[in-house]
Amino acid sequence: MSDWSPEDAIRMERRHVSEGEERIARQEALGVESAHKGHDQLAIAANELLVLMRASLELSRIRLRQLEDRYSAPSSDGI
């Protein structure tokens, strides 16, 4: 990332947050669908993955806040 400008890094991290939120929404739907179809083991696995995805998203949010704080670039989309 050394060749990146702070603005590039912030844009990338915002994209990571946005994509992570979308992936989590899809994963939540898959977990619910699996449970409704009686695929209990699949639903459990989906929920375990969801825990990891949420943790990863939180790390991206923390990194975004750090970048924004460091470079005084407030988020325009409320993230």
C-alpha atoms as a PDB file:
ATOM      1  CA  MET A   1       0.000   0.000   0.000  1.00  0.00           C
ATOM      2  CA  SER A   2       3.060   2.298   0.121  1.00  0.00           C
ATOM      3  CA  ASP A   3       2.397   3.615  -3.408  1.00  0.00           C
ATOM      4  CA  TRP A   4      -1.189   4.504  -2.507  1.00  0.00           C
ATOM      5  CA  SER A   5      -2.362   7.926  -1.528  1.00  0.00           C
ATOM      6  CA  PRO A   6      -4.369   8.284   1.678  1.00  0.00           C
ATOM      7  CA  GLU A   7      -7.437   8.952  -0.468  1.00  0.00           C
ATOM      8  CA  ASP A   8      -6.895   5.682  -2.358  1.00  0.00           C
ATOM      9  CA  ALA A   9      -6.545   3.769   0.900  1.00  0.00           C
ATOM     10  CA  ILE A  10      -9.725   5.325   2.295  1.00  0.00           C
ATOM     11  CA  ARG A  11     -11.635   4.554  -0.907  1.00  0.00           C
ATOM     12  CA  MET A  12     -10.430   0.954  -0.817  1.00  0.00           C
ATOM     13  CA  GLU A  13     -11.418   0.508   2.818  1.00  0.00           C
ATOM     14  CA  ARG A  14     -14.840   2.044   2.192  1.00  0.00           C
ATOM     15  CA  ARG A  15     -15.278  -0.444  -0.647  1.00  0.00           C
ATOM     16  CA  HIS A  16     -14.267  -3.294   1.677  1.00  0.00           C
ATOM     17  CA  VAL A  17     -16.875  -2.172   4.210  1.00  0.00           C
ATOM     18  CA  SER A  18     -19.589  -1.874   1.596  1.00  0.00           C
ATOM     19  CA  GLU A  19     -18.787  -5.234   0.004  1.00  0.00           C
ATOM     20  CA  GLY A  20     -18.568  -6.857   3.426  1.00  0.00           C
ATOM     21  CA  GLU A  21     -22.023  -5.582   4.342  1.00  0.00           C
ATOM     22  CA  GLU A  22     -23.422  -6.999   1.098  1.00  0.00           C
ATOM     23  CA  ARG A  23     -21.755 -10.375   1.631  1.00  0.00           C
ATOM     24  CA  ILE A  24     -23.048 -10.564   5.190  1.00  0.00           C
ATOM     25  CA  ALA A  25     -26.587  -9.845   4.032  1.00  0.00           C
ATOM     26  CA  ARG A  26     -26.336 -12.679   1.489  1.00  0.00           C
ATOM     27  CA  GLN A  27     -24.841 -15.025   4.077  1.00  0.00           C
ATOM     28  CA  GLU A  28     -27.614 -14.225   6.553  1.00  0.00           C
ATOM     29  CA  ALA A  29     -30.207 -15.045   3.886  1.00  0.00           C
ATOM     30  CA  LEU A  30     -28.467 -18.334   3.093  1.00  0.00           C
ATOM     31  CA  GLY A  31     -28.411 -19.295   6.754  1.00  0.00           C
ATOM     32  CA  VAL A  32     -32.120 -18.549   7.162  1.00  0.00           C
ATOM     33  CA  GLU A  33     -32.971 -20.400   3.951  1.00  0.00           C
ATOM     34  CA  SER A  34     -30.946 -23.432   5.041  1.00  0.00           C
ATOM     35  CA  ALA A  35     -32.656 -23.511   8.414  1.00  0.00           C
ATOM     36  CA  HIS A  36     -36.114 -23.210   6.858  1.00  0.00           C
ATOM     37  CA  LYS A  37     -35.337 -26.090   4.523  1.00  0.00           C
ATOM     38  CA  GLY A  38     -34.271 -28.255   7.440  1.00  0.00           C
ATOM     39  CA  HIS A  39     -30.591 -28.287   6.529  1.00  0.00           C
ATOM     40  CA  ASP A  40     -29.504 -27.871  10.124  1.00  0.00           C
ATOM     41  CA  GLN A  41     -25.800 -28.631   9.659  1.00  0.00           C
ATOM     42  CA  LEU A  42     -25.591 -26.254   6.718  1.00  0.00           C
ATOM     43  CA  ALA A  43     -27.350 -23.546   8.725  1.00  0.00           C
ATOM     44  CA  ILE A  44     -24.887 -24.031  11.582  1.00  0.00           C
ATOM     45  CA  ALA A  45     -21.937 -23.792   9.198  1.00  0.00           C
ATOM     46  CA  ALA A  46     -23.447 -20.691   7.574  1.00  0.00           C
ATOM     47  CA  ASN A  47     -23.829 -19.037  10.973  1.00  0.00           C
ATOM     48  CA  GLU A  48     -20.274 -19.927  11.980  1.00  0.00           C
ATOM     49  CA  LEU A  49     -19.027 -18.333   8.780  1.00  0.00           C
ATOM     50  CA  LEU A  50     -21.216 -15.331   9.475  1.00  0.00           C
ATOM     51  CA  VAL A  51     -19.439 -14.785  12.799  1.00  0.00           C
ATOM     52  CA  LEU A  52     -16.085 -14.648  11.003  1.00  0.00           C
ATOM     53  CA  MET A  53     -17.440 -12.357   8.303  1.00  0.00           C
ATOM     54  CA  ARG A  54     -18.812  -9.943  10.897  1.00  0.00           C
ATOM     55  CA  ALA A  55     -15.457  -9.892  12.690  1.00  0.00           C
ATOM     56  CA  SER A  56     -13.693  -9.150   9.411  1.00  0.00           C
ATOM     57  CA  LEU A  57     -16.169  -6.368   8.643  1.00  0.00           C
ATOM     58  CA  GLU A  58     -15.581  -4.835  12.053  1.00  0.00           C
ATOM     59  CA  LEU A  59     -11.819  -4.838  11.408  1.00  0.00           C
ATOM     60  CA  SER A  60     -12.430  -3.040   8.111  1.00  0.00           C
ATOM     61  CA  ARG A  61     -14.603  -0.483   9.877  1.00  0.00           C
ATOM     62  CA  ILE A  62     -11.903   0.090  12.482  1.00  0.00           C
ATOM     63  CA  ARG A  63      -9.265   0.494   9.784  1.00  0.00           C
ATOM     64  CA  LEU A  64     -11.490   2.942   7.904  1.00  0.00           C
ATOM     65  CA  ARG A  65     -11.991   5.036  11.039  1.00  0.00           C
ATOM     66  CA  GLN A  66      -8.234   5.012  11.652  1.00  0.00           C
ATOM     67  CA  LEU A  67      -7.518   6.184   8.130  1.00  0.00           C
ATOM     68  CA  GLU A  68     -10.189   8.857   8.272  1.00  0.00           C
ATOM     69  CA  ASP A  69      -8.972  10.078  11.660  1.00  0.00           C
ATOM     70  CA  ARG A  70      -5.366  10.134  10.520  1.00  0.00           C
ATOM     71  CA  TYR A  71      -6.018  11.917   7.255  1.00  0.00           C
ATOM     72  CA  SER A  72      -9.020  13.989   8.332  1.00  0.00           C
ATOM     73  CA  ALA A  73     -11.259  12.610   5.601  1.00  0.00           C
ATOM     74  CA  PRO A  74     -14.758  12.215   7.043  1.00  0.00           C
ATOM     75  CA  SER A  75     -16.966   9.632   5.430  1.00  0.00           C
ATOM     76  CA  SER A  76     -19.571  11.052   3.091  1.00  0.00           C
ATOM     77  CA  ASP A  77     -21.787   7.971   3.336  1.00  0.00           C
ATOM     78  CA  GLY A  78     -22.116   7.663   7.100  1.00  0.00           C
ATOM     79  CA  ILE A  79     -19.913   4.567   7.519  1.00  0.00           C
END
